[in-house]
N, C-alpha and C. Protein backbone atom coordinates (compact mmCIF):
# COMPACT_ATOMS: atom_id res chain seq x y z
N MET A 1 -1.57 -18.92 9.63
CA MET A 1 -0.25 -18.69 9.41
C MET A 1 0.50 -19.31 10.73
N ALA A 2 1.55 -19.84 10.66
CA ALA A 2 2.11 -20.46 11.79
C ALA A 2 2.64 -19.35 12.63
N ASN A 3 3.12 -17.97 11.72
CA ASN A 3 4.36 -17.08 12.42
C ASN A 3 2.84 -15.49 12.84
N GLY A 4 1.77 -15.69 12.27
CA GLY A 4 0.91 -15.26 12.64
C GLY A 4 0.99 -13.82 11.12
N VAL A 5 0.38 -12.63 11.26
CA VAL A 5 -0.11 -12.08 9.96
C VAL A 5 1.14 -11.76 9.55
N GLN A 6 1.61 -12.16 8.29
CA GLN A 6 2.78 -11.92 7.42
C GLN A 6 2.88 -10.33 6.74
N SER A 7 4.26 -10.00 6.77
CA SER A 7 4.20 -8.48 6.41
C SER A 7 4.16 -8.44 4.86
N PRO A 8 3.44 -7.24 4.89
CA PRO A 8 3.31 -7.18 3.03
C PRO A 8 4.57 -6.81 2.35
N CYS A 9 5.28 -6.58 2.82
CA CYS A 9 6.62 -6.24 2.09
C CYS A 9 7.10 -6.73 1.12
N VAL A 10 7.33 -6.14 -0.15
CA VAL A 10 7.94 -7.03 -1.49
C VAL A 10 9.23 -6.34 -1.84
N ARG A 11 9.80 -5.98 -1.12
CA ARG A 11 11.29 -5.56 -0.94
C ARG A 11 11.66 -4.66 -2.22
N ASN A 12 10.25 -3.29 -2.10
CA ASN A 12 10.19 -2.68 -3.13
C ASN A 12 10.41 -1.03 -2.73
N CYS A 13 11.04 -0.89 -1.63
CA CYS A 13 10.82 0.02 -0.46
C CYS A 13 11.34 1.65 -0.93
N CYS A 14 10.16 2.52 -1.30
CA CYS A 14 10.43 3.90 -1.76
C CYS A 14 9.37 4.54 -1.21
N LEU A 15 9.69 5.86 -0.59
CA LEU A 15 8.50 6.19 -0.10
C LEU A 15 7.98 7.35 -1.06
N ASN A 16 6.57 7.55 -1.10
CA ASN A 16 5.98 8.75 -2.14
C ASN A 16 6.06 9.71 -1.03
N ASP A 17 5.45 11.13 -1.82
CA ASP A 17 5.52 12.26 -0.92
C ASP A 17 4.58 11.97 0.42
N SER A 18 3.81 11.15 0.80
CA SER A 18 3.26 11.08 1.77
C SER A 18 3.48 10.11 2.62
N ASP A 19 4.52 9.48 2.40
CA ASP A 19 4.99 8.77 3.20
C ASP A 19 4.44 7.50 3.11
N ILE A 20 3.91 6.88 1.88
CA ILE A 20 3.49 5.79 1.75
C ILE A 20 4.14 5.03 1.01
N CYS A 21 4.45 3.51 1.31
CA CYS A 21 5.54 3.12 0.27
C CYS A 21 4.96 2.70 -0.89
N VAL A 22 5.90 2.65 -1.75
CA VAL A 22 4.93 2.27 -3.29
C VAL A 22 5.41 0.88 -3.32
N GLY A 23 5.53 0.14 -2.83
CA GLY A 23 5.68 -1.57 -2.75
C GLY A 23 4.90 -2.19 -1.68
N CYS A 24 4.85 -1.87 -0.73
CA CYS A 24 3.78 -2.54 0.05
C CYS A 24 2.47 -1.66 0.60
N PHE A 25 2.14 -0.66 0.49
CA PHE A 25 1.69 0.73 0.20
C PHE A 25 0.91 0.38 1.54
N ARG A 26 2.47 0.69 2.40
CA ARG A 26 2.48 1.19 4.14
C ARG A 26 2.86 2.53 4.45
N SER A 27 2.45 2.86 5.25
CA SER A 27 2.95 3.98 5.73
C SER A 27 4.10 3.82 6.81
N LEU A 28 4.87 4.69 6.69
CA LEU A 28 6.43 4.85 7.05
C LEU A 28 6.10 4.52 8.71
N VAL A 29 5.18 5.08 9.49
CA VAL A 29 4.83 4.66 10.65
C VAL A 29 4.23 3.23 10.86
N GLU A 30 3.31 2.86 9.72
CA GLU A 30 3.28 1.34 10.19
C GLU A 30 4.21 0.81 9.82
N ILE A 31 5.09 0.61 8.73
CA ILE A 31 6.23 -0.27 8.61
C ILE A 31 7.17 -0.42 9.85
N THR A 32 7.52 0.98 10.51
CA THR A 32 8.20 0.71 11.62
C THR A 32 7.81 0.37 12.83
N ARG A 33 6.66 0.33 12.78
CA ARG A 33 5.84 -0.40 14.18
C ARG A 33 5.41 -1.86 13.77
N TRP A 34 5.33 -2.27 12.79
CA TRP A 34 4.78 -3.86 12.42
C TRP A 34 5.40 -4.92 13.42
N SER A 35 6.47 -4.71 13.59
CA SER A 35 7.07 -5.65 14.59
C SER A 35 7.07 -5.67 15.83
N LEU A 36 6.20 -4.78 16.24
CA LEU A 36 5.54 -4.08 17.77
C LEU A 36 4.45 -4.48 18.03
N ILE A 37 3.52 -4.77 17.17
CA ILE A 37 2.09 -4.72 17.35
C ILE A 37 1.54 -6.14 17.06
N ASN A 38 0.35 -6.11 17.23
CA ASN A 38 -0.16 -7.51 17.41
C ASN A 38 -0.71 -7.68 16.37
N ASP A 39 -1.66 -8.72 16.00
CA ASP A 39 -2.06 -9.56 14.47
C ASP A 39 -3.11 -8.67 14.14
N ASP A 40 -4.25 -8.22 15.29
CA ASP A 40 -5.40 -7.56 14.84
C ASP A 40 -4.98 -6.13 14.20
N ALA A 41 -4.03 -5.64 15.02
CA ALA A 41 -3.61 -4.14 14.35
C ALA A 41 -3.05 -4.32 12.95
N LYS A 42 -2.26 -5.45 12.83
CA LYS A 42 -1.74 -5.64 11.26
C LYS A 42 -2.75 -5.72 10.40
N MET A 43 -3.95 -6.62 10.86
CA MET A 43 -4.91 -6.99 10.03
C MET A 43 -5.83 -5.32 9.83
N GLN A 44 -5.58 -4.73 10.37
CA GLN A 44 -6.11 -3.17 10.52
C GLN A 44 -5.47 -2.63 9.29
N ILE A 45 -3.77 -2.72 9.31
CA ILE A 45 -3.23 -2.13 8.46
C ILE A 45 -3.07 -2.76 7.33
N LEU A 46 -3.24 -3.97 7.05
CA LEU A 46 -3.49 -4.60 5.65
C LEU A 46 -4.87 -4.21 4.80
N ALA A 47 -6.21 -3.87 6.06
CA ALA A 47 -7.42 -3.32 5.54
C ALA A 47 -6.99 -1.91 4.44
N GLN A 48 -6.06 -1.00 5.53
CA GLN A 48 -5.58 0.09 4.57
C GLN A 48 -4.96 -0.30 3.16
N VAL A 49 -3.92 -1.08 3.41
CA VAL A 49 -3.10 -1.31 2.63
C VAL A 49 -3.93 -1.32 1.07
N ALA A 50 -5.11 -2.44 1.55
CA ALA A 50 -6.00 -2.59 0.26
C ALA A 50 -6.91 -1.31 -0.47
N ILE A 51 -7.21 -0.77 0.67
CA ILE A 51 -7.41 0.68 0.38
C ILE A 51 -6.90 1.03 -0.67
N ARG A 52 -5.41 1.49 -0.02
CA ARG A 52 -4.55 2.51 -0.56
C ARG A 52 -4.29 2.01 -2.07
N LYS A 53 -4.08 0.65 -2.31
CA LYS A 53 -3.79 -0.09 -3.45
C LYS A 53 -4.41 0.37 -4.76
N ALA A 54 -5.84 -0.16 -3.77
CA ALA A 54 -6.97 0.16 -5.14
C ALA A 54 -6.89 1.60 -5.39
N GLN A 55 -6.95 2.32 -4.74
CA GLN A 55 -6.98 4.08 -5.01
C GLN A 55 -5.70 4.16 -6.04
N GLN A 56 -4.50 3.63 -5.64
CA GLN A 56 -3.92 4.08 -6.26
C GLN A 56 -3.79 3.27 -8.05
N TYR A 57 -4.20 2.31 -8.10
CA TYR A 57 -4.48 1.38 -9.42
C TYR A 57 -5.81 1.93 -10.05
N ALA A 58 -6.95 2.85 -9.23
CA ALA A 58 -7.68 3.41 -9.67
C ALA A 58 -7.26 4.76 -10.79
N ALA A 59 -6.28 5.65 -9.96
CA ALA A 59 -6.18 6.68 -10.31
C ALA A 59 -5.04 6.59 -11.87
N LEU A 60 -4.41 5.24 -11.56
CA LEU A 60 -3.47 4.96 -12.81
C LEU A 60 -4.72 4.60 -13.96
N ASP A 61 -5.85 3.98 -13.66
CA ASP A 61 -6.47 3.46 -14.49
C ASP A 61 -7.32 5.19 -15.65
N ASP A 62 -7.64 5.76 -14.23
CA ASP A 62 -8.23 7.07 -14.59
C ASP A 62 -7.55 7.97 -15.73
N LEU A 63 -5.93 8.12 -15.33
CA LEU A 63 -4.77 8.27 -15.75
C LEU A 63 -4.72 7.88 -17.27
N GLY A 64 -4.91 6.40 -17.44
CA GLY A 64 -4.69 5.68 -18.58
C GLY A 64 -5.86 6.31 -19.65
N ASP A 65 -7.09 6.29 -18.98
CA ASP A 65 -8.29 7.07 -19.58
C ASP A 65 -8.12 8.66 -20.36
N SER A 66 -7.48 9.11 -19.57
CA SER A 66 -7.14 10.55 -19.94
C SER A 66 -6.31 10.66 -21.25
N ASN A 67 -5.48 9.92 -21.09
CA ASN A 67 -4.51 10.10 -22.18
C ASN A 67 -5.12 9.50 -23.26
N LYS A 68 -6.31 8.39 -23.24
CA LYS A 68 -6.76 8.09 -24.35
C LYS A 68 -7.65 8.99 -25.27
N VAL A 69 -8.13 9.63 -24.22
CA VAL A 69 -9.24 10.71 -24.55
C VAL A 69 -8.89 11.84 -25.29
N ALA A 70 -7.29 12.08 -24.70
CA ALA A 70 -6.30 13.34 -25.13
C ALA A 70 -6.09 12.75 -26.52
N GLY A 71 -5.41 11.82 -26.95
CA GLY A 71 -4.93 11.47 -28.11
C GLY A 71 -5.85 11.27 -29.31
N THR A 72 -7.29 11.13 -29.01
CA THR A 72 -8.11 10.91 -30.22
C THR A 72 -8.50 12.36 -30.47
């Protein structure tokens, strides 16, 4: 990338109860420090983002499975 590691921001900024953005899955601290940190630190944040996103989708899948069982 010409400009280094790009922000994962999707312009859907809303923090959950844990101060994690529901749009990009970064913490409030990660969001505010993004422009100040180097590309290695950004890549570490993106790794955490991927984990948080996977956990969120897994939780939603589990919720869907629970609703299917309850509805039967």
